[in-house]
C-alpha atoms as a PDB file:
ATOM      1  CA  MET A   1     -14.368  -3.851  35.476  1.00  0.00           C
ATOM      2  CA  LYS A   2     -15.514  -6.457  32.933  1.00  0.00           C
ATOM      3  CA  LYS A   3     -12.288  -5.767  30.941  1.00  0.00           C
ATOM      4  CA  THR A   4     -10.263  -6.426  34.079  1.00  0.00           C
ATOM      5  CA  PHE A   5     -11.992  -9.774  34.597  1.00  0.00           C
ATOM      6  CA  ALA A   6     -11.276 -10.751  31.008  1.00  0.00           C
ATOM      7  CA  ILE A   7      -7.626  -9.762  31.185  1.00  0.00           C
ATOM      8  CA  ILE A   8      -7.036 -11.736  34.370  1.00  0.00           C
ATOM      9  CA  ALA A   9      -8.826 -14.841  32.956  1.00  0.00           C
ATOM     10  CA  CYS A  10      -7.013 -14.699  29.632  1.00  0.00           C
ATOM     11  CA  ALA A  11      -3.619 -14.211  31.176  1.00  0.00           C
ATOM     12  CA  ALA A  12      -4.142 -17.079  33.532  1.00  0.00           C
ATOM     13  CA  ALA A  13      -5.284 -19.329  30.648  1.00  0.00           C
ATOM     14  CA  MET A  14      -2.275 -18.424  28.569  1.00  0.00           C
ATOM     15  CA  LEU A  15       0.062 -19.174  31.472  1.00  0.00           C
ATOM     16  CA  ILE A  16      -1.481 -22.580  32.052  1.00  0.00           C
ATOM     17  CA  ALA A  17      -1.453 -23.476  28.348  1.00  0.00           C
ATOM     18  CA  GLY A  18       2.196 -22.556  28.149  1.00  0.00           C
ATOM     19  CA  LYS A  19       3.391 -24.810  31.013  1.00  0.00           C
ATOM     20  CA  ALA A  20       4.146 -28.400  30.338  1.00  0.00           C
ATOM     21  CA  ASN A  21       4.509 -29.197  34.059  1.00  0.00           C
ATOM     22  CA  ALA A  22       0.950 -28.181  34.989  1.00  0.00           C
ATOM     23  CA  GLN A  23      -0.856 -30.536  37.415  1.00  0.00           C
ATOM     24  CA  THR A  24      -4.574 -31.028  36.562  1.00  0.00           C
ATOM     25  CA  GLY A  25      -7.174 -31.788  39.186  1.00  0.00           C
ATOM     26  CA  ILE A  26     -10.931 -32.146  39.560  1.00  0.00           C
ATOM     27  CA  ASN A  27     -12.993 -31.153  42.550  1.00  0.00           C
ATOM     28  CA  ILE A  28     -16.453 -31.264  44.062  1.00  0.00           C
ATOM     29  CA  GLY A  29     -17.467 -29.169  47.072  1.00  0.00           C
ATOM     30  CA  TYR A  30     -20.113 -27.661  49.348  1.00  0.00           C
ATOM     31  CA  THR A  31     -20.356 -23.910  48.742  1.00  0.00           C
ATOM     32  CA  PRO A  32     -22.902 -22.071  50.873  1.00  0.00           C
ATOM     33  CA  THR A  33     -23.064 -18.341  50.209  1.00  0.00           C
ATOM     34  CA  THR A  34     -24.930 -15.381  51.712  1.00  0.00           C
ATOM     35  CA  ILE A  35     -26.465 -12.546  49.690  1.00  0.00           C
ATOM     36  CA  SER A  36     -26.786  -9.503  51.969  1.00  0.00           C
ATOM     37  CA  THR A  37     -28.821  -6.473  50.738  1.00  0.00           C
ATOM     38  CA  THR A  38     -28.944  -3.139  52.589  1.00  0.00           C
ATOM     39  CA  SER A  39     -31.195  -0.312  51.476  1.00  0.00           C
ATOM     40  CA  GLY A  40     -31.688   2.632  53.739  1.00  0.00           C
ATOM     41  CA  ASN A  41     -32.689   1.184  57.140  1.00  0.00           C
ATOM     42  CA  SER A  42     -33.798  -2.152  55.750  1.00  0.00           C
ATOM     43  CA  HIS A  43     -31.581  -5.265  55.576  1.00  0.00           C
ATOM     44  CA  ASP A  44     -32.349  -8.626  53.952  1.00  0.00           C
ATOM     45  CA  THR A  45     -30.275 -11.796  53.841  1.00  0.00           C
ATOM     46  CA  ILE A  46     -30.618 -14.854  51.656  1.00  0.00           C
ATOM     47  CA  ALA A  47     -28.554 -17.900  52.802  1.00  0.00           C
ATOM     48  CA  LEU A  48     -28.002 -20.226  49.848  1.00  0.00           C
ATOM     49  CA  ASP A  49     -26.876 -23.794  50.213  1.00  0.00           C
ATOM     50  CA  GLY A  50     -24.658 -24.696  47.318  1.00  0.00           C
ATOM     51  CA  ILE A  51     -22.708 -27.354  45.456  1.00  0.00           C
ATOM     52  CA  ALA A  52     -19.898 -26.925  42.981  1.00  0.00           C
ATOM     53  CA  ILE A  53     -17.900 -29.057  40.593  1.00  0.00           C
ATOM     54  CA  GLY A  54     -14.879 -28.000  38.623  1.00  0.00           C
ATOM     55  CA  ILE A  55     -11.385 -28.472  37.207  1.00  0.00           C
ATOM     56  CA  ASN A  56      -8.106 -26.735  37.927  1.00  0.00           C
ATOM     57  CA  GLN A  57      -4.467 -26.642  36.888  1.00  0.00           C
ATOM     58  CA  ASN A  58      -1.580 -25.939  39.217  1.00  0.00           C
ATOM     59  CA  VAL A  59       1.577 -24.551  37.668  1.00  0.00           C
ATOM     60  CA  SER A  60       4.948 -24.328  39.473  1.00  0.00           C
ATOM     61  CA  LEU A  61       6.365 -20.794  39.363  1.00  0.00           C
ATOM     62  CA  SER A  62       9.452 -21.406  41.454  1.00  0.00           C
ATOM     63  CA  GLY A  63       9.982 -24.544  43.465  1.00  0.00           C
ATOM     64  CA  ASP A  64       6.965 -25.033  45.818  1.00  0.00           C
ATOM     65  CA  LEU A  65       5.470 -21.632  44.885  1.00  0.00           C
ATOM     66  CA  CYS A  66       2.636 -22.316  42.391  1.00  0.00           C
ATOM     67  CA  LEU A  67      -0.315 -20.655  40.637  1.00  0.00           C
ATOM     68  CA  SER A  68      -3.615 -22.494  40.389  1.00  0.00           C
ATOM     69  CA  VAL A  69      -6.303 -21.543  37.887  1.00  0.00           C
ATOM     70  CA  GLY A  70      -9.676 -23.223  37.886  1.00  0.00           C
ATOM     71  CA  LEU A  71     -13.142 -23.182  36.385  1.00  0.00           C
ATOM     72  CA  GLN A  72     -16.165 -24.438  38.410  1.00  0.00           C
ATOM     73  CA  ALA A  73     -19.923 -24.513  38.001  1.00  0.00           C
ATOM     74  CA  ARG A  74     -21.782 -23.546  41.209  1.00  0.00           C
ATOM     75  CA  TYR A  75     -25.462 -23.963  42.030  1.00  0.00           C
ATOM     76  CA  GLY A  76     -27.053 -22.326  45.039  1.00  0.00           C
ATOM     77  CA  PHE A  77     -30.548 -22.779  46.401  1.00  0.00           C
ATOM     78  CA  ALA A  78     -32.683 -21.781  49.404  1.00  0.00           C
ATOM     79  CA  LYS A  79     -36.285 -21.870  50.636  1.00  0.00           C
ATOM     80  CA  LYS A  80     -38.044 -19.558  53.115  1.00  0.00           C
ATOM     81  CA  GLU A  81     -41.424 -20.152  54.660  1.00  0.00           C
ATOM     82  CA  THR A  82     -43.465 -17.621  56.676  1.00  0.00           C
ATOM     83  CA  ASN A  83     -46.610 -18.294  58.625  1.00  0.00           C
ATOM     84  CA  VAL A  84     -48.685 -15.547  60.278  1.00  0.00           C
ATOM     85  CA  ASN A  85     -51.509 -16.090  62.736  1.00  0.00           C
ATOM     86  CA  LEU A  86     -54.192 -13.411  62.245  1.00  0.00           C
ATOM     87  CA  GLY A  87     -56.183 -14.484  65.276  1.00  0.00           C
ATOM     88  CA  ILE A  88     -59.931 -14.602  64.750  1.00  0.00           C
ATOM     89  CA  LEU A  89     -59.456 -13.341  61.172  1.00  0.00           C
ATOM     90  CA  GLY A  90     -57.578 -16.487  60.092  1.00  0.00           C
ATOM     91  CA  SER A  91     -54.051 -17.182  58.986  1.00  0.00           C
ATOM     92  CA  ALA A  92     -51.606 -16.493  56.139  1.00  0.00           C
ATOM     93  CA  ASN A  93     -48.501 -18.224  54.824  1.00  0.00           C
ATOM     94  CA  ALA A  94     -45.912 -17.533  52.125  1.00  0.00           C
ATOM     95  CA  THR A  95     -43.102 -19.523  50.545  1.00  0.00           C
ATOM     96  CA  ALA A  96     -40.116 -18.137  48.638  1.00  0.00           C
ATOM     97  CA  GLU A  97     -37.638 -20.273  46.744  1.00  0.00           C
ATOM     98  CA  TYR A  98     -34.293 -18.898  45.521  1.00  0.00           C
ATOM     99  CA  SER A  99     -31.812 -20.342  43.027  1.00  0.00           C
ATOM    100  CA  GLN A 100     -28.595 -19.204  41.360  1.00  0.00           C
ATOM    101  CA  PHE A 101     -26.246 -20.796  38.834  1.00  0.00           C
ATOM    102  CA  ALA A 102     -22.785 -19.285  38.360  1.00  0.00           C
ATOM    103  CA  LEU A 103     -19.349 -19.953  36.941  1.00  0.00           C
ATOM    104  CA  ASP A 104     -16.265 -19.205  39.078  1.00  0.00           C
ATOM    105  CA  ILE A 105     -12.669 -18.722  37.969  1.00  0.00           C
ATOM    106  CA  PRO A 106     -10.286 -18.840  40.921  1.00  0.00           C
ATOM    107  CA  VAL A 107      -6.734 -17.643  40.319  1.00  0.00           C
ATOM    108  CA  LEU A 108      -4.882 -18.627  43.433  1.00  0.00           C
ATOM    109  CA  LEU A 109      -1.218 -18.263  44.486  1.00  0.00           C
ATOM    110  CA  ASN A 110      -0.201 -21.202  46.683  1.00  0.00           C
ATOM    111  CA  TYR A 111       2.814 -22.584  48.443  1.00  0.00           C
ATOM    112  CA  GLY A 112       3.199 -26.238  49.508  1.00  0.00           C
ATOM    113  CA  PHE A 113       4.781 -27.539  52.759  1.00  0.00           C
ATOM    114  CA  ASN A 114       5.720 -31.186  52.707  1.00  0.00           C
ATOM    115  CA  PHE A 115       5.238 -33.361  55.831  1.00  0.00           C
ATOM    116  CA  GLY A 116       6.566 -36.798  54.926  1.00  0.00           C
ATOM    117  CA  LYS A 117       6.200 -38.580  51.595  1.00  0.00           C
ATOM    118  CA  ASP A 118       2.497 -38.266  50.946  1.00  0.00           C
ATOM    119  CA  LEU A 119       1.326 -35.416  53.170  1.00  0.00           C
ATOM    120  CA  ARG A 120       1.376 -31.816  51.984  1.00  0.00           C
ATOM    121  CA  VAL A 121      -0.282 -28.676  53.378  1.00  0.00           C
ATOM    122  CA  THR A 122      -0.843 -25.831  50.890  1.00  0.00           C
ATOM    123  CA  PRO A 123      -2.231 -22.394  51.870  1.00  0.00           C
ATOM    124  CA  PHE A 124      -3.613 -20.367  49.031  1.00  0.00           C
ATOM    125  CA  VAL A 125      -4.781 -16.800  48.365  1.00  0.00           C
ATOM    126  CA  GLY A 126      -5.966 -14.811  45.399  1.00  0.00           C
ATOM    127  CA  PRO A 127      -8.942 -13.433  43.431  1.00  0.00           C
ATOM    128  CA  THR A 128     -12.011 -15.350  42.290  1.00  0.00           C
ATOM    129  CA  ILE A 129     -13.987 -14.081  39.293  1.00  0.00           C
ATOM    130  CA  SER A 130     -17.643 -15.044  39.210  1.00  0.00           C
ATOM    131  CA  PHE A 131     -20.244 -14.735  36.471  1.00  0.00           C
ATOM    132  CA  ALA A 132     -23.922 -15.566  37.240  1.00  0.00           C
ATOM    133  CA  LEU A 133     -25.660 -17.351  34.390  1.00  0.00           C
ATOM    134  CA  ALA A 134     -29.063 -17.420  36.063  1.00  0.00           C
ATOM    135  CA  GLY A 135     -30.820 -16.363  39.256  1.00  0.00           C
ATOM    136  CA  LYS A 136     -34.456 -16.482  40.243  1.00  0.00           C
ATOM    137  CA  THR A 137     -36.999 -16.049  43.043  1.00  0.00           C
ATOM    138  CA  LYS A 138     -40.223 -17.997  42.998  1.00  0.00           C
ATOM    139  CA  TRP A 139     -42.936 -17.237  45.518  1.00  0.00           C
ATOM    140  CA  SER A 140     -46.378 -18.412  46.527  1.00  0.00           C
ATOM    141  CA  GLY A 141     -48.779 -17.290  49.244  1.00  0.00           C
ATOM    142  CA  ASN A 142     -52.158 -18.147  50.698  1.00  0.00           C
ATOM    143  CA  ALA A 143     -54.448 -16.443  53.178  1.00  0.00           C
ATOM    144  CA  ASN A 144     -57.464 -17.986  54.898  1.00  0.00           C
ATOM    145  CA  VAL A 145     -59.915 -15.329  56.094  1.00  0.00           C
ATOM    146  CA  LEU A 146     -62.672 -16.168  58.621  1.00  0.00           C
ATOM    147  CA  GLY A 147     -62.465 -19.823  57.519  1.00  0.00           C
ATOM    148  CA  ALA A 148     -64.423 -19.071  54.399  1.00  0.00           C
ATOM    149  CA  LEU A 149     -62.352 -16.993  51.980  1.00  0.00           C
ATOM    150  CA  ASN A 150     -59.045 -18.326  50.557  1.00  0.00           C
ATOM    151  CA  LEU A 151     -56.775 -15.949  48.740  1.00  0.00           C
ATOM    152  CA  GLY A 152     -53.710 -17.202  46.883  1.00  0.00           C
ATOM    153  CA  THR A 153     -50.992 -15.696  44.731  1.00  0.00           C
ATOM    154  CA  ASP A 154     -47.769 -16.844  43.085  1.00  0.00           C
ATOM    155  CA  GLY A 155     -45.087 -15.595  40.714  1.00  0.00           C
ATOM    156  CA  GLU A 156     -41.388 -15.402  39.982  1.00  0.00           C
ATOM    157  CA  ASP A 157     -38.635 -12.814  39.447  1.00  0.00           C
ATOM    158  CA  ASP A 158     -35.581 -13.198  37.202  1.00  0.00           C
ATOM    159  CA  TRP A 159     -32.688 -11.480  38.973  1.00  0.00           C
ATOM    160  CA  TYR A 160     -30.770 -10.656  35.781  1.00  0.00           C
ATOM    161  CA  GLU A 161     -33.472  -9.725  33.310  1.00  0.00           C
ATOM    162  CA  GLU A 162     -33.149  -6.387  31.617  1.00  0.00           C
ATOM    163  CA  GLY A 163     -34.085  -3.535  33.908  1.00  0.00           C
ATOM    164  CA  ASP A 164     -33.400  -5.453  37.126  1.00  0.00           C
ATOM    165  CA  ASN A 165     -30.740  -4.262  39.528  1.00  0.00           C
ATOM    166  CA  TYR A 166     -28.663  -7.409  40.018  1.00  0.00           C
ATOM    167  CA  SER A 167     -25.180  -7.505  38.549  1.00  0.00           C
ATOM    168  CA  ARG A 168     -23.920 -10.785  37.037  1.00  0.00           C
ATOM    169  CA  PHE A 169     -20.252 -10.076  37.839  1.00  0.00           C
ATOM    170  CA  ASN A 170     -18.547 -10.497  41.133  1.00  0.00           C
ATOM    171  CA  LEU A 171     -14.919 -10.372  42.285  1.00  0.00           C
ATOM    172  CA  GLY A 172     -13.934 -12.133  45.506  1.00  0.00           C
ATOM    173  CA  ALA A 173     -10.861 -12.252  47.720  1.00  0.00           C
ATOM    174  CA  THR A 174     -10.263 -15.936  48.433  1.00  0.00           C
ATOM    175  CA  VAL A 175      -8.137 -17.482  51.182  1.00  0.00           C
ATOM    176  CA  GLY A 176      -7.871 -21.058  52.387  1.00  0.00           C
ATOM    177  CA  ALA A 177      -5.743 -24.202  52.435  1.00  0.00           C
ATOM    178  CA  CYS A 178      -5.463 -27.680  50.949  1.00  0.00           C
ATOM    179  CA  LEU A 179      -4.408 -30.913  52.634  1.00  0.00           C
ATOM    180  CA  ASP A 180      -3.015 -33.428  50.144  1.00  0.00           C
ATOM    181  CA  PHE A 181      -2.903 -37.186  50.726  1.00  0.00           C
ATOM    182  CA  SER A 182      -1.163 -38.778  47.726  1.00  0.00           C
ATOM    183  CA  GLN A 183      -3.615 -38.139  44.791  1.00  0.00           C
ATOM    184  CA  PHE A 184      -6.487 -36.876  46.960  1.00  0.00           C
ATOM    185  CA  ARG A 185      -7.003 -33.363  48.333  1.00  0.00           C
ATOM    186  CA  VAL A 186      -9.240 -31.915  51.020  1.00  0.00           C
ATOM    187  CA  TYR A 187      -9.610 -28.128  50.826  1.00  0.00           C
ATOM    188  CA  GLY A 188     -11.513 -25.329  52.492  1.00  0.00           C
ATOM    189  CA  GLY A 189     -11.603 -21.526  52.734  1.00  0.00           C
ATOM    190  CA  TYR A 190     -13.620 -18.370  52.469  1.00  0.00           C
ATOM    191  CA  ASN A 191     -14.468 -16.080  49.495  1.00  0.00           C
ATOM    192  CA  LEU A 192     -15.241 -12.450  50.405  1.00  0.00           C
ATOM    193  CA  GLY A 193     -17.267 -10.633  47.771  1.00  0.00           C
ATOM    194  CA  LEU A 194     -15.752  -7.254  47.013  1.00  0.00           C
ATOM    195  CA  LEU A 195     -18.252  -5.696  44.568  1.00  0.00           C
ATOM    196  CA  ASN A 196     -21.631  -4.121  45.061  1.00  0.00           C
ATOM    197  CA  LEU A 197     -24.009  -6.338  43.042  1.00  0.00           C
ATOM    198  CA  SER A 198     -26.784  -3.768  43.009  1.00  0.00           C
ATOM    199  CA  SER A 199     -27.100  -0.944  40.505  1.00  0.00           C
ATOM    200  CA  SER A 200     -29.743   0.848  42.516  1.00  0.00           C
ATOM    201  CA  ASP A 201     -28.958   4.061  44.339  1.00  0.00           C
ATOM    202  CA  ASN A 202     -28.595   3.785  48.115  1.00  0.00           C
ATOM    203  CA  THR A 203     -28.557  -0.052  47.917  1.00  0.00           C
ATOM    204  CA  THR A 204     -25.657  -2.304  48.698  1.00  0.00           C
ATOM    205  CA  ARG A 205     -25.749  -6.023  47.780  1.00  0.00           C
ATOM    206  CA  LYS A 206     -22.774  -8.322  48.403  1.00  0.00           C
ATOM    207  CA  GLN A 207     -22.338 -12.104  48.124  1.00  0.00           C
ATOM    208  CA  SER A 208     -19.742 -14.063  50.131  1.00  0.00           C
ATOM    209  CA  GLY A 209     -19.313 -17.558  51.465  1.00  0.00           C
ATOM    210  CA  TRP A 210     -17.145 -20.341  52.708  1.00  0.00           C
ATOM    211  CA  PHE A 211     -16.427 -23.573  50.957  1.00  0.00           C
ATOM    212  CA  ILE A 212     -15.127 -27.109  51.624  1.00  0.00           C
ATOM    213  CA  GLY A 213     -14.505 -29.908  49.214  1.00  0.00           C
ATOM    214  CA  LEU A 214     -12.664 -32.947  47.935  1.00  0.00           C
ATOM    215  CA  GLY A 215     -10.256 -33.004  44.952  1.00  0.00           C
ATOM    216  CA  TYR A 216      -8.412 -35.618  42.912  1.00  0.00           C
ATOM    217  CA  LYS A 217      -5.190 -35.031  41.007  1.00  0.00           C
ATOM    218  CA  LEU A 218      -5.203 -36.581  37.546  1.00  0.00           C
END
């Protein structure tokens, strides 16, 4: 699978480099994603807020049919707080903070429809290759028992350290559309994660999410 990712990325880069009529653009967007993990009868979901910034090149293949290849850095983050009332025994609370930093390479086939001089609608579809550079969970907890005894704990877990069951690689099916106004572009869509990101038996972990953003053509 890693070789497949490398072949797609290299082929796309060679195509872009060999085209003199490539249109370069920069973009910034809001990219929330959801990591869903199912193991046996248990199910857990982490909803990450996210931001991304990147660059892309759009090459004409034939008329208004084009291929866009991009590279973007994406950062996702989330925080969960849990409070439990233990009645006369006291109370307990816990906080978990999640973070992920990844690189995305979208390779998107697109076709533009012109509506007047400066308005263009461009649907797009294609694969997005993702590689996670870092991912972490940090947690802390505190329990107050009978108003006299305070118990606290904290720690962190690196998702991608050796021996963990998170995979750094993901492949998504991406679909969406762009709305171009002269040099500016508004875009949005959805990226469906296709790979199981867990290496543990009887566990399925997938990451997907929608996105919206603003681009500028250089």
